[in-house]
Structures are given as C-alpha cells and as structure tokens.
C-alpha cells in the first residue's frame, strides 16, 4: 500500500462510505432535524461482487484499484449491532475479584480512559 501512496485510514473510510453512505448535510423542517444520507444503490454496495470495481484515493488524490493494495477475506462478525439512542455501542461486563469493591473497579477503569 505504501508503494501506491494509500493510507489505511483513507482506504477504510472510503469502503465505509461506499457501503454505509455518507451524511454530508442535515435537513431542517419545522424545528426537526434529519440526516441526509447519500448512498450507492444496493447492487453497487455489494463488495463481494464489486471488489474489482472499487477505487480508493491515494495521497495525491489519484484513484488506485482496491485489489492492487488489499486482499479480501470473509470473516464471521457480530450477529447483531447493539444501539442506544440510534448510536452503536459495545457492552463490556466482568465480575470483580473477591474483596474488590465496585467503586475501586470504576476508579481503575476511569484511569484507563
């Protein structure tokens, strides 16, 4: 990828935009706000069938064929996406060690963030 001048973040952002779409604007009407999402057609978002037709920009804004800089591997992922207030979230749970209080655990976790 370095030879072609493609940044992994740019590559990931481009693929995400092609699959999920982008929300470049908001529509406001009667005090309510709506995201405006721009997406490809469903058949264009099919990475499995269109992998050879996807191009990503390099650092000079030239388009590079995705298959020149990446290989696709299918993997099994999460079966569901958890959401709260329309946002995705991941829930992490654990048990405390005997003799350790919840307050101590919260303090330790806050130190990590």
PDB file of N, CA and C in Angstrom:
ATOM      1  N   UNK A   1       0.815  -1.184   0.000  1.00  0.00           N
ATOM      2  CA  UNK A   1       0.000   0.000   0.000  1.00  0.00           C
ATOM      3  C   UNK A   1       0.860   1.250   0.000  1.00  0.00           C
ATOM      4  N   UNK A   2       1.972   1.194   0.693  1.00  0.00           N
ATOM      5  CA  UNK A   2       2.843   2.360   0.772  1.00  0.00           C
ATOM      6  C   UNK A   2       3.375   2.730  -0.611  1.00  0.00           C
ATOM      7  N   UNK A   3       3.666   1.727  -1.419  1.00  0.00           N
ATOM      8  CA  UNK A   3       4.165   1.966  -2.773  1.00  0.00           C
ATOM      9  C   UNK A   3       3.162   2.784  -3.587  1.00  0.00           C
ATOM     10  N   UNK A   4       1.864   2.527  -3.391  1.00  0.00           N
ATOM     11  CA  UNK A   4       0.814   3.219  -4.122  1.00  0.00           C
ATOM     12  C   UNK A   4       0.388   4.521  -3.440  1.00  0.00           C
ATOM     13  N   UNK A   5       0.901   4.787  -2.239  1.00  0.00           N
ATOM     14  CA  UNK A   5       0.551   6.019  -1.527  1.00  0.00           C
ATOM     15  C   UNK A   5      -0.844   5.993  -0.928  1.00  0.00           C
ATOM     16  N   UNK A   6      -1.313   4.792  -0.566  1.00  0.00           N
ATOM     17  CA  UNK A   6      -2.648   4.657   0.007  1.00  0.00           C
ATOM     18  C   UNK A   6      -2.523   4.500   1.514  1.00  0.00           C
ATOM     19  N   UNK A   7      -3.242   5.320   2.232  1.00  0.00           N
ATOM     20  CA  UNK A   7      -3.284   5.295   3.690  1.00  0.00           C
ATOM     21  C   UNK A   7      -4.383   4.331   4.129  1.00  0.00           C
ATOM     22  N   UNK A   8      -4.132   3.498   5.134  1.00  0.00           N
ATOM     23  CA  UNK A   8      -5.135   2.523   5.576  1.00  0.00           C
ATOM     24  C   UNK A   8      -6.399   3.207   6.089  1.00  0.00           C
ATOM     25  N   UNK A   9      -6.246   4.344   6.743  1.00  0.00           N
ATOM     26  CA  UNK A   9      -7.433   5.061   7.238  1.00  0.00           C
ATOM     27  C   UNK A   9      -8.291   5.546   6.071  1.00  0.00           C
ATOM     28  N   UNK A  10      -7.649   6.105   5.060  1.00  0.00           N
ATOM     29  CA  UNK A  10      -8.372   6.574   3.879  1.00  0.00           C
ATOM     30  C   UNK A  10      -9.075   5.411   3.198  1.00  0.00           C
ATOM     31  N   UNK A  11      -8.377   4.291   3.094  1.00  0.00           N
ATOM     32  CA  UNK A  11      -8.957   3.102   2.486  1.00  0.00           C
ATOM     33  C   UNK A  11     -10.202   2.659   3.254  1.00  0.00           C
ATOM     34  N   UNK A  12     -10.087   2.574   4.577  1.00  0.00           N
ATOM     35  CA  UNK A  12     -11.228   2.172   5.403  1.00  0.00           C
ATOM     36  C   UNK A  12     -12.379   3.147   5.311  1.00  0.00           C
ATOM     37  N   UNK A  13     -12.072   4.437   5.332  1.00  0.00           N
ATOM     38  CA  UNK A  13     -13.122   5.459   5.219  1.00  0.00           C
ATOM     39  C   UNK A  13     -13.848   5.363   3.880  1.00  0.00           C
ATOM     40  N   UNK A  14     -13.098   5.099   2.830  1.00  0.00           N
ATOM     41  CA  UNK A  14     -13.699   5.008   1.500  1.00  0.00           C
ATOM     42  C   UNK A  14     -14.626   3.799   1.390  1.00  0.00           C
ATOM     43  N   UNK A  15     -14.177   2.662   1.901  1.00  0.00           N
ATOM     44  CA  UNK A  15     -15.020   1.464   1.847  1.00  0.00           C
ATOM     45  C   UNK A  15     -16.268   1.660   2.701  1.00  0.00           C
ATOM     46  N   UNK A  16     -16.108   2.230   3.890  1.00  0.00           N
ATOM     47  CA  UNK A  16     -17.261   2.504   4.750  1.00  0.00           C
ATOM     48  C   UNK A  16     -18.257   3.427   4.047  1.00  0.00           C
ATOM     49  N   UNK A  17     -17.743   4.469   3.392  1.00  0.00           N
ATOM     50  CA  UNK A  17     -18.623   5.397   2.682  1.00  0.00           C
ATOM     51  C   UNK A  17     -19.371   4.689   1.559  1.00  0.00           C
ATOM     52  N   UNK A  18     -18.700   3.781   0.872  1.00  0.00           N
ATOM     53  CA  UNK A  18     -19.352   3.077  -0.223  1.00  0.00           C
ATOM     54  C   UNK A  18     -20.429   2.115   0.276  1.00  0.00           C
ATOM     55  N   UNK A  19     -20.214   1.531   1.450  1.00  0.00           N
ATOM     56  CA  UNK A  19     -21.185   0.561   1.976  1.00  0.00           C
ATOM     57  C   UNK A  19     -22.291   1.254   2.769  1.00  0.00           C
ATOM     58  N   UNK A  20     -21.910   2.103   3.720  1.00  0.00           N
ATOM     59  CA  UNK A  20     -22.890   2.751   4.593  1.00  0.00           C
ATOM     60  C   UNK A  20     -23.440   4.047   4.030  1.00  0.00           C
ATOM     61  N   UNK A  21     -22.673   4.708   3.185  1.00  0.00           N
ATOM     62  CA  UNK A  21     -23.059   6.020   2.691  1.00  0.00           C
ATOM     63  C   UNK A  21     -22.457   7.103   3.570  1.00  0.00           C
ATOM     64  N   UNK A  22     -22.744   8.342   3.217  1.00  0.00           N
ATOM     65  CA  UNK A  22     -22.253   9.496   3.955  1.00  0.00           C
ATOM     66  C   UNK A  22     -23.427  10.376   4.367  1.00  0.00           C
ATOM     67  N   UNK A  23     -23.249  11.132   5.419  1.00  0.00           N
ATOM     68  CA  UNK A  23     -24.264  12.108   5.833  1.00  0.00           C
ATOM     69  C   UNK A  23     -23.634  13.504   5.758  1.00  0.00           C
ATOM     70  N   UNK A  24     -23.547  14.065   4.541  1.00  0.00           N
ATOM     71  CA  UNK A  24     -22.856  15.341   4.364  1.00  0.00           C
ATOM     72  C   UNK A  24     -23.673  16.569   4.753  1.00  0.00           C
ATOM     73  N   UNK A  25     -24.969  16.369   5.041  1.00  0.00           N
ATOM     74  CA  UNK A  25     -25.812  17.530   5.333  1.00  0.00           C
ATOM     75  C   UNK A  25     -26.953  17.143   6.256  1.00  0.00           C
ATOM     76  N   UNK A  26     -27.597  18.157   6.795  1.00  0.00           N
ATOM     77  CA  UNK A  26     -28.793  17.966   7.629  1.00  0.00           C
ATOM     78  C   UNK A  26     -29.940  18.731   6.973  1.00  0.00           C
ATOM     79  N   UNK A  27     -31.123  18.180   7.077  1.00  0.00           N
ATOM     80  CA  UNK A  27     -32.336  18.826   6.581  1.00  0.00           C
ATOM     81  C   UNK A  27     -33.140  19.267   7.792  1.00  0.00           C
ATOM     82  N   UNK A  28     -33.504  20.531   7.831  1.00  0.00           N
ATOM     83  CA  UNK A  28     -34.262  21.067   8.957  1.00  0.00           C
ATOM     84  C   UNK A  28     -35.619  21.527   8.467  1.00  0.00           C
ATOM     85  N   UNK A  29     -36.655  21.110   9.203  1.00  0.00           N
ATOM     86  CA  UNK A  29     -38.012  21.495   8.849  1.00  0.00           C
ATOM     87  C   UNK A  29     -38.871  21.485  10.107  1.00  0.00           C
ATOM     88  N   UNK A  30     -39.565  22.565  10.350  1.00  0.00           N
ATOM     89  CA  UNK A  30     -40.474  22.687  11.493  1.00  0.00           C
ATOM     90  C   UNK A  30     -39.799  22.342  12.817  1.00  0.00           C
ATOM     91  N   UNK A  31     -38.577  22.805  12.994  1.00  0.00           N
ATOM     92  CA  UNK A  31     -37.874  22.576  14.246  1.00  0.00           C
ATOM     93  C   UNK A  31     -37.280  21.181  14.403  1.00  0.00           C
ATOM     94  N   UNK A  32     -37.419  20.340  13.406  1.00  0.00           N
ATOM     95  CA  UNK A  32     -36.844  18.992  13.461  1.00  0.00           C
ATOM     96  C   UNK A  32     -35.665  18.914  12.510  1.00  0.00           C
ATOM     97  N   UNK A  33     -34.729  18.040  12.840  1.00  0.00           N
ATOM     98  CA  UNK A  33     -33.515  17.897  12.053  1.00  0.00           C
ATOM     99  C   UNK A  33     -33.376  16.454  11.592  1.00  0.00           C
ATOM    100  N   UNK A  34     -33.040  16.280  10.315  1.00  0.00           N
ATOM    101  CA  UNK A  34     -32.884  14.944   9.739  1.00  0.00           C
ATOM    102  C   UNK A  34     -31.530  14.859   9.039  1.00  0.00           C
ATOM    103  N   UNK A  35     -30.848  13.726   9.193  1.00  0.00           N
ATOM    104  CA  UNK A  35     -29.621  13.492   8.443  1.00  0.00           C
ATOM    105  C   UNK A  35     -29.970  13.233   6.989  1.00  0.00           C
ATOM    106  N   UNK A  36     -29.179  13.772   6.083  1.00  0.00           N
ATOM    107  CA  UNK A  36     -29.299  13.472   4.658  1.00  0.00           C
ATOM    108  C   UNK A  36     -28.192  12.471   4.342  1.00  0.00           C
ATOM    109  N   UNK A  37     -28.585  11.246   3.987  1.00  0.00           N
ATOM    110  CA  UNK A  37     -27.610  10.193   3.707  1.00  0.00           C
ATOM    111  C   UNK A  37     -27.523   9.970   2.201  1.00  0.00           C
ATOM    112  N   UNK A  38     -26.296   9.958   1.696  1.00  0.00           N
ATOM    113  CA  UNK A  38     -26.022   9.688   0.284  1.00  0.00           C
ATOM    114  C   UNK A  38     -25.423   8.290   0.215  1.00  0.00           C
ATOM    115  N   UNK A  39     -26.081   7.400  -0.561  1.00  0.00           N
ATOM    116  CA  UNK A  39     -25.624   6.009  -0.648  1.00  0.00           C
ATOM    117  C   UNK A  39     -25.631   5.532  -2.083  1.00  0.00           C
ATOM    118  N   UNK A  40     -24.791   4.539  -2.336  1.00  0.00           N
ATOM    119  CA  UNK A  40     -24.826   3.858  -3.622  1.00  0.00           C
ATOM    120  C   UNK A  40     -26.059   2.961  -3.665  1.00  0.00           C
ATOM    121  N   UNK A  41     -26.420   2.524  -4.852  1.00  0.00           N
ATOM    122  CA  UNK A  41     -27.514   1.569  -4.997  1.00  0.00           C
ATOM    123  C   UNK A  41     -27.125   0.251  -4.338  1.00  0.00           C
ATOM    124  N   UNK A  42     -28.098  -0.544  -3.869  1.00  0.00           N
ATOM    125  CA  UNK A  42     -27.762  -1.814  -3.195  1.00  0.00           C
ATOM    126  C   UNK A  42     -26.823  -2.712  -3.997  1.00  0.00           C
ATOM    127  N   UNK A  43     -27.043  -2.813  -5.293  1.00  0.00           N
ATOM    128  CA  UNK A  43     -26.177  -3.687  -6.100  1.00  0.00           C
ATOM    129  C   UNK A  43     -24.763  -3.122  -6.218  1.00  0.00           C
ATOM    130  N   UNK A  44     -24.597  -1.818  -6.051  1.00  0.00           N
ATOM    131  CA  UNK A  44     -23.266  -1.209  -6.089  1.00  0.00           C
ATOM    132  C   UNK A  44     -22.532  -1.357  -4.765  1.00  0.00           C
ATOM    133  N   UNK A  45     -23.263  -1.589  -3.670  1.00  0.00           N
ATOM    134  CA  UNK A  45     -22.657  -1.736  -2.348  1.00  0.00           C
ATOM    135  C   UNK A  45     -22.202  -3.161  -2.059  1.00  0.00           C
ATOM    136  N   UNK A  46     -22.428  -4.082  -2.955  1.00  0.00           N
ATOM    137  CA  UNK A  46     -22.070  -5.485  -2.764  1.00  0.00           C
ATOM    138  C   UNK A  46     -20.572  -5.677  -2.987  1.00  0.00           C
ATOM    139  N   UNK A  47     -19.816  -5.660  -1.899  1.00  0.00           N
ATOM    140  CA  UNK A  47     -18.354  -5.760  -2.007  1.00  0.00           C
ATOM    141  C   UNK A  47     -17.904  -7.083  -2.597  1.00  0.00           C
ATOM    142  N   UNK A  48     -18.626  -8.140  -2.307  1.00  0.00           N
ATOM    143  CA  UNK A  48     -18.231  -9.459  -2.800  1.00  0.00           C
ATOM    144  C   UNK A  48     -18.205  -9.486  -4.332  1.00  0.00           C
ATOM    145  N   UNK A  49     -19.202  -8.893  -4.957  1.00  0.00           N
ATOM    146  CA  UNK A  49     -19.283  -8.922  -6.417  1.00  0.00           C
ATOM    147  C   UNK A  49     -18.587  -7.747  -7.091  1.00  0.00           C
ATOM    148  N   UNK A  50     -18.335  -6.673  -6.375  1.00  0.00           N
ATOM    149  CA  UNK A  50     -17.796  -5.461  -6.995  1.00  0.00           C
ATOM    150  C   UNK A  50     -16.382  -5.110  -6.548  1.00  0.00           C
ATOM    151  N   UNK A  51     -15.707  -6.002  -5.884  1.00  0.00           N
ATOM    152  CA  UNK A  51     -14.397  -5.700  -5.321  1.00  0.00           C
ATOM    153  C   UNK A  51     -13.421  -5.177  -6.380  1.00  0.00           C
ATOM    154  N   UNK A  52     -13.452  -5.732  -7.569  1.00  0.00           N
ATOM    155  CA  UNK A  52     -12.507  -5.322  -8.627  1.00  0.00           C
ATOM    156  C   UNK A  52     -12.871  -3.976  -9.244  1.00  0.00           C
ATOM    157  N   UNK A  53     -14.066  -3.464  -8.936  1.00  0.00           N
ATOM    158  CA  UNK A  53     -14.511  -2.187  -9.498  1.00  0.00           C
ATOM    159  C   UNK A  53     -14.379  -1.034  -8.510  1.00  0.00           C
ATOM    160  N   UNK A  54     -13.796  -1.286  -7.337  1.00  0.00           N
ATOM    161  CA  UNK A  54     -13.678  -0.252  -6.311  1.00  0.00           C
ATOM    162  C   UNK A  54     -12.303   0.398  -6.399  1.00  0.00           C
ATOM    163  N   UNK A  55     -12.315   1.717  -6.387  1.00  0.00           N
ATOM    164  CA  UNK A  55     -11.088   2.503  -6.407  1.00  0.00           C
ATOM    165  C   UNK A  55     -11.030   3.354  -5.148  1.00  0.00           C
ATOM    166  N   UNK A  56      -9.825   3.567  -4.642  1.00  0.00           N
ATOM    167  CA  UNK A  56      -9.617   4.401  -3.450  1.00  0.00           C
ATOM    168  C   UNK A  56      -8.589   5.476  -3.792  1.00  0.00           C
ATOM    169  N   UNK A  57      -8.737   6.661  -3.196  1.00  0.00           N
ATOM    170  CA  UNK A  57      -7.777   7.730  -3.496  1.00  0.00           C
ATOM    171  C   UNK A  57      -6.463   7.527  -2.755  1.00  0.00           C
ATOM    172  N   UNK A  58      -5.365   7.883  -3.418  1.00  0.00           N
ATOM    173  CA  UNK A  58      -4.077   7.847  -2.728  1.00  0.00           C
ATOM    174  C   UNK A  58      -3.758   9.251  -2.223  1.00  0.00           C
ATOM    175  N   UNK A  59      -2.562   9.446  -1.704  1.00  0.00           N
ATOM    176  CA  UNK A  59      -2.221  10.736  -1.113  1.00  0.00           C
ATOM    177  C   UNK A  59      -2.152  11.863  -2.142  1.00  0.00           C
ATOM    178  N   UNK A  60      -2.066  11.542  -3.420  1.00  0.00           N
ATOM    179  CA  UNK A  60      -2.074  12.540  -4.495  1.00  0.00           C
ATOM    180  C   UNK A  60      -3.450  12.678  -5.137  1.00  0.00           C
ATOM    181  N   UNK A  61      -4.453  12.075  -4.495  1.00  0.00           N
ATOM    182  CA  UNK A  61      -5.839  12.086  -4.986  1.00  0.00           C
ATOM    183  C   UNK A  61      -6.010  11.384  -6.331  1.00  0.00           C
ATOM    184  N   UNK A  62      -5.105  10.464  -6.626  1.00  0.00           N
ATOM    185  CA  UNK A  62      -5.270   9.595  -7.792  1.00  0.00           C
ATOM    186  C   UNK A  62      -5.985   8.345  -7.341  1.00  0.00           C
ATOM    187  N   UNK A  63      -6.831   7.809  -8.180  1.00  0.00           N
ATOM    188  CA  UNK A  63      -7.585   6.614  -7.819  1.00  0.00           C
ATOM    189  C   UNK A  63      -6.770   5.361  -8.093  1.00  0.00           C
ATOM    190  N   UNK A  64      -6.713   4.493  -7.082  1.00  0.00           N
ATOM    191  CA  UNK A  64      -5.980   3.234  -7.147  1.00  0.00           C
ATOM    192  C   UNK A  64      -6.990   2.104  -6.979  1.00  0.00           C
ATOM    193  N   UNK A  65      -6.878   1.081  -7.816  1.00  0.00           N
ATOM    194  CA  UNK A  65      -7.796  -0.057  -7.703  1.00  0.00           C
ATOM    195  C   UNK A  65      -7.578  -0.742  -6.350  1.00  0.00           C
ATOM    196  N   UNK A  66      -8.659  -0.992  -5.628  1.00  0.00           N
ATOM    197  CA  UNK A  66      -8.585  -1.593  -4.294  1.00  0.00           C
ATOM    198  C   UNK A  66      -7.837  -2.913  -4.311  1.00  0.00           C
ATOM    199  N   UNK A  67      -8.055  -3.726  -5.318  1.00  0.00           N
ATOM    200  CA  UNK A  67      -7.403  -5.039  -5.367  1.00  0.00           C
ATOM    201  C   UNK A  67      -5.894  -4.933  -5.597  1.00  0.00           C
ATOM    202  N   UNK A  68      -5.381  -3.752  -5.958  1.00  0.00           N
ATOM    203  CA  UNK A  68      -3.940  -3.565  -6.086  1.00  0.00           C
ATOM    204  C   UNK A  68      -3.279  -3.361  -4.724  1.00  0.00           C
ATOM    205  N   UNK A  69      -4.058  -2.984  -3.726  1.00  0.00           N
ATOM    206  CA  UNK A  69      -3.479  -2.681  -2.415  1.00  0.00           C
ATOM    207  C   UNK A  69      -4.057  -3.526  -1.275  1.00  0.00           C
ATOM    208  N   UNK A  70      -5.061  -4.340  -1.552  1.00  0.00           N
ATOM    209  CA  UNK A  70      -5.689  -5.117  -0.478  1.00  0.00           C
ATOM    210  C   UNK A  70      -6.244  -6.427  -1.015  1.00  0.00           C
ATOM    211  N   UNK A  71      -6.323  -7.401  -0.124  1.00  0.00           N
ATOM    212  CA  UNK A  71      -6.961  -8.678  -0.419  1.00  0.00           C
ATOM    213  C   UNK A  71      -8.175  -8.823   0.486  1.00  0.00           C
ATOM    214  N   UNK A  72      -9.236  -9.344  -0.040  1.00  0.00           N
ATOM    215  CA  UNK A  72     -10.458  -9.522   0.747  1.00  0.00           C
ATOM    216  C   UNK A  72     -10.487 -10.920   1.354  1.00  0.00           C
ATOM    217  N   UNK A  73     -10.875 -10.987   2.617  1.00  0.00           N
ATOM    218  CA  UNK A  73     -11.089 -12.258   3.296  1.00  0.00           C
ATOM    219  C   UNK A  73     -12.409 -12.158   4.036  1.00  0.00           C
ATOM    220  N   UNK A  74     -13.262 -13.129   3.802  1.00  0.00           N
ATOM    221  CA  UNK A  74     -14.538 -13.139   4.522  1.00  0.00           C
ATOM    222  C   UNK A  74     -14.324 -13.666   5.918  1.00  0.00           C
ATOM    223  N   UNK A  75     -14.928 -13.003   6.879  1.00  0.00           N
ATOM    224  CA  UNK A  75     -14.845 -13.396   8.282  1.00  0.00           C
ATOM    225  C   UNK A  75     -16.233 -13.334   8.893  1.00  0.00           C
ATOM    226  N   UNK A  76     -16.429 -14.080   9.929  1.00  0.00           N
ATOM    227  CA  UNK A  76     -17.687 -14.040  10.663  1.00  0.00           C
ATOM    228  C   UNK A  76     -17.590 -12.930  11.697  1.00  0.00           C
ATOM    229  N   UNK A  77     -18.619 -12.113  11.772  1.00  0.00           N
ATOM    230  CA  UNK A  77     -18.629 -10.996  12.724  1.00  0.00           C
ATOM    231  C   UNK A  77     -19.798 -11.102  13.671  1.00  0.00           C
ATOM    232  N   UNK A  78     -20.067 -10.025  14.349  1.00  0.00           N
ATOM    233  CA  UNK A  78     -21.153  -9.978  15.311  1.00  0.00           C
ATOM    234  C   UNK A  78     -22.488 -10.237  14.613  1.00  0.00           C
ATOM    235  N   UNK A  79     -23.345 -10.990  15.279  1.00  0.00           N
ATOM    236  CA  UNK A  79     -24.649 -11.316  14.709  1.00  0.00           C
ATOM    237  C   UNK A  79     -25.612 -10.136  14.805  1.00  0.00           C
ATOM    238  N   UNK A  80     -25.412  -9.290  15.796  1.00  0.00           N
ATOM    239  CA  UNK A  80     -26.286  -8.142  15.973  1.00  0.00           C
ATOM    240  C   UNK A  80     -25.453  -6.898  16.286  1.00  0.00           C
ATOM    241  N   UNK A  81     -26.038  -5.767  16.020  1.00  0.00           N
ATOM    242  CA  UNK A  81     -25.426  -4.494  16.380  1.00  0.00           C
ATOM    243  C   UNK A  81     -26.311  -3.857  17.443  1.00  0.00           C
ATOM    244  N   UNK A  82     -25.739  -3.628  18.611  1.00  0.00           N
ATOM    245  CA  UNK A  82     -26.486  -3.017  19.703  1.00  0.00           C
ATOM    246  C   UNK A  82     -26.542  -1.513  19.499  1.00  0.00           C
ATOM    247  N   UNK A  83     -27.704  -0.920  19.789  1.00  0.00           N
ATOM    248  CA  UNK A  83     -27.864   0.523  19.618  1.00  0.00           C
ATOM    249  C   UNK A  83     -28.546   1.117  20.843  1.00  0.00           C
ATOM    250  N   UNK A  84     -28.168   2.349  21.141  1.00  0.00           N
ATOM    251  CA  UNK A  84     -28.820   3.123  22.192  1.00  0.00           C
ATOM    252  C   UNK A  84     -28.921   4.542  21.658  1.00  0.00           C
ATOM    253  N   UNK A  85     -30.116   5.093  21.625  1.00  0.00           N
ATOM    254  CA  UNK A  85     -30.347   6.423  21.061  1.00  0.00           C
ATOM    255  C   UNK A  85     -29.784   6.519  19.642  1.00  0.00           C
ATOM    256  N   UNK A  86     -30.026   5.510  18.836  1.00  0.00           N
ATOM    257  CA  UNK A  86     -29.619   5.398  17.437  1.00  0.00           C
ATOM    258  C   UNK A  86     -28.116   5.314  17.228  1.00  0.00           C
ATOM    259  N   UNK A  87     -27.335   5.219  18.307  1.00  0.00           N
ATOM    260  CA  UNK A  87     -25.888   5.083  18.191  1.00  0.00           C
ATOM    261  C   UNK A  87     -25.455   3.676  18.533  1.00  0.00           C
ATOM    262  N   UNK A  88     -24.429   3.191  17.896  1.00  0.00           N
ATOM    263  CA  UNK A  88     -23.905   1.859  18.190  1.00  0.00           C
ATOM    264  C   UNK A  88     -23.145   1.885  19.508  1.00  0.00           C
ATOM    265  N   UNK A  89     -23.185   0.771  20.211  1.00  0.00           N
ATOM    266  CA  UNK A  89     -22.397   0.667  21.438  1.00  0.00           C
ATOM    267  C   UNK A  89     -21.971  -0.762  21.664  1.00  0.00           C
ATOM    268  N   UNK A  90     -20.935  -0.918  22.457  1.00  0.00           N
ATOM    269  CA  UNK A  90     -20.438  -2.228  22.854  1.00  0.00           C
ATOM    270  C   UNK A  90     -20.537  -2.292  24.363  1.00  0.00           C
ATOM    271  N   UNK A  91     -21.111  -3.353  24.863  1.00  0.00           N
ATOM    272  CA  UNK A  91     -21.235  -3.532  26.305  1.00  0.00           C
ATOM    273  C   UNK A  91     -20.165  -4.505  26.776  1.00  0.00           C
ATOM    274  N   UNK A  92     -19.424  -4.087  27.776  1.00  0.00           N
ATOM    275  CA  UNK A  92     -18.376  -4.927  28.354  1.00  0.00           C
ATOM    276  C   UNK A  92     -18.801  -5.244  29.776  1.00  0.00           C
ATOM    277  N   UNK A  93     -18.753  -6.511  30.137  1.00  0.00           N
ATOM    278  CA  UNK A  93     -19.129  -6.892  31.506  1.00  0.00           C
ATOM    279  C   UNK A  93     -18.061  -7.810  32.090  1.00  0.00           C
ATOM    280  N   UNK A  94     -17.983  -7.811  33.417  1.00  0.00           N
ATOM    281  CA  UNK A  94     -16.992  -8.635  34.096  1.00  0.00           C
ATOM    282  C   UNK A  94     -17.410  -8.821  35.547  1.00  0.00           C
ATOM    283  N   UNK A  95     -16.802  -9.766  36.196  1.00  0.00           N
ATOM    284  CA  UNK A  95     -17.017  -9.990  37.624  1.00  0.00           C
ATOM    285  C   UNK A  95     -15.826  -9.405  38.378  1.00  0.00           C
ATOM    286  N   UNK A  96     -16.073  -8.913  39.567  1.00  0.00           N
ATOM    287  CA  UNK A  96     -14.974  -8.376  40.374  1.00  0.00           C
ATOM    288  C   UNK A  96     -14.331  -9.504  41.173  1.00  0.00           C
ATOM    289  N   UNK A  97     -13.078  -9.306  41.496  1.00  0.00           N
ATOM    290  CA  UNK A  97     -12.345 -10.260  42.317  1.00  0.00           C
ATOM    291  C   UNK A  97     -12.852 -10.152  43.753  1.00  0.00           C
ATOM    292  N   UNK A  98     -12.851 -11.266  44.432  1.00  0.00           N
ATOM    293  CA  UNK A  98     -13.306 -11.285  45.818  1.00  0.00           C
ATOM    294  C   UNK A  98     -12.542 -10.238  46.641  1.00  0.00           C
ATOM    295  N   UNK A  99     -13.255  -9.403  47.330  1.00  0.00           N
ATOM    296  CA  UNK A  99     -12.642  -8.398  48.184  1.00  0.00           C
ATOM    297  C   UNK A  99     -12.416  -7.057  47.502  1.00  0.00           C
ATOM    298  N   UNK A 100     -12.727  -6.953  46.198  1.00  0.00           N
ATOM    299  CA  UNK A 100     -12.573  -5.683  45.481  1.00  0.00           C
ATOM    300  C   UNK A 100     -13.956  -5.085  45.289  1.00  0.00           C
ATOM    301  N   UNK A 101     -14.113  -3.824  45.683  1.00  0.00           N
ATOM    302  CA  UNK A 101     -15.412  -3.164  45.567  1.00  0.00           C
ATOM    303  C   UNK A 101     -15.631  -2.563  44.191  1.00  0.00           C
ATOM    304  N   UNK A 102     -16.891  -2.349  43.869  1.00  0.00           N
ATOM    305  CA  UNK A 102     -17.250  -1.785  42.579  1.00  0.00           C
ATOM    306  C   UNK A 102     -16.654  -0.390  42.408  1.00  0.00           C
ATOM    307  N   UNK A 103     -16.606   0.404  43.445  1.00  0.00           N
ATOM    308  CA  UNK A 103     -16.024   1.743  43.379  1.00  0.00           C
ATOM    309  C   UNK A 103     -14.560   1.703  42.967  1.00  0.00           C
ATOM    310  N   UNK A 104     -13.806   0.725  43.502  1.00  0.00           N
ATOM    311  CA  UNK A 104     -12.399   0.580  43.131  1.00  0.00           C
ATOM    312  C   UNK A 104     -12.252   0.220  41.651  1.00  0.00           C
ATOM    313  N   UNK A 105     -13.139  -0.638  41.179  1.00  0.00           N
ATOM    314  CA  UNK A 105     -13.097  -1.048  39.756  1.00  0.00           C
ATOM    315  C   UNK A 105     -13.394   0.156  38.873  1.00  0.00           C
ATOM    316  N   UNK A 106     -14.413   0.930  39.222  1.00  0.00           N
ATOM    317  CA  UNK A 106     -14.772   2.114  38.412  1.00  0.00           C
ATOM    318  C   UNK A 106     -13.609   3.109  38.387  1.00  0.00           C
ATOM    319  N   UNK A 107     -12.964   3.306  39.525  1.00  0.00           N
ATOM    320  CA  UNK A 107     -11.802   4.206  39.598  1.00  0.00           C
ATOM    321  C   UNK A 107     -10.705   3.723  38.658  1.00  0.00           C
ATOM    322  N   UNK A 108     -10.417   2.423  38.684  1.00  0.00           N
ATOM    323  CA  UNK A 108      -9.378   1.852  37.808  1.00  0.00           C
ATOM    324  C   UNK A 108      -9.733   2.003  36.332  1.00  0.00           C
ATOM    325  N   UNK A 109     -10.985   1.772  35.988  1.00  0.00           N
ATOM    326  CA  UNK A 109     -11.422   1.890  34.598  1.00  0.00           C
ATOM    327  C   UNK A 109     -11.311   3.343  34.148  1.00  0.00           C
ATOM    328  N   UNK A 110     -11.707   4.278  34.980  1.00  0.00           N
ATOM    329  CA  UNK A 110     -11.607   5.697  34.623  1.00  0.00           C
ATOM    330  C   UNK A 110     -10.164   6.128  34.413  1.00  0.00           C
ATOM    331  N   UNK A 111      -9.233   5.514  35.123  1.00  0.00           N
ATOM    332  CA  UNK A 111      -7.812   5.833  34.919  1.00  0.00           C
ATOM    333  C   UNK A 111      -7.339   5.402  33.535  1.00  0.00           C
ATOM    334  N   UNK A 112      -7.952   4.352  32.994  1.00  0.00           N
ATOM    335  CA  UNK A 112      -7.564   3.833  31.688  1.00  0.00           C
ATOM    336  C   UNK A 112      -8.042   4.716  30.535  1.00  0.00           C
ATOM    337  N   UNK A 113      -9.117   5.455  30.753  1.00  0.00           N
ATOM    338  CA  UNK A 113      -9.657   6.246  29.645  1.00  0.00           C
ATOM    339  C   UNK A 113      -9.126   7.634  29.588  1.00  0.00           C
TER     340      UNK A 113
END
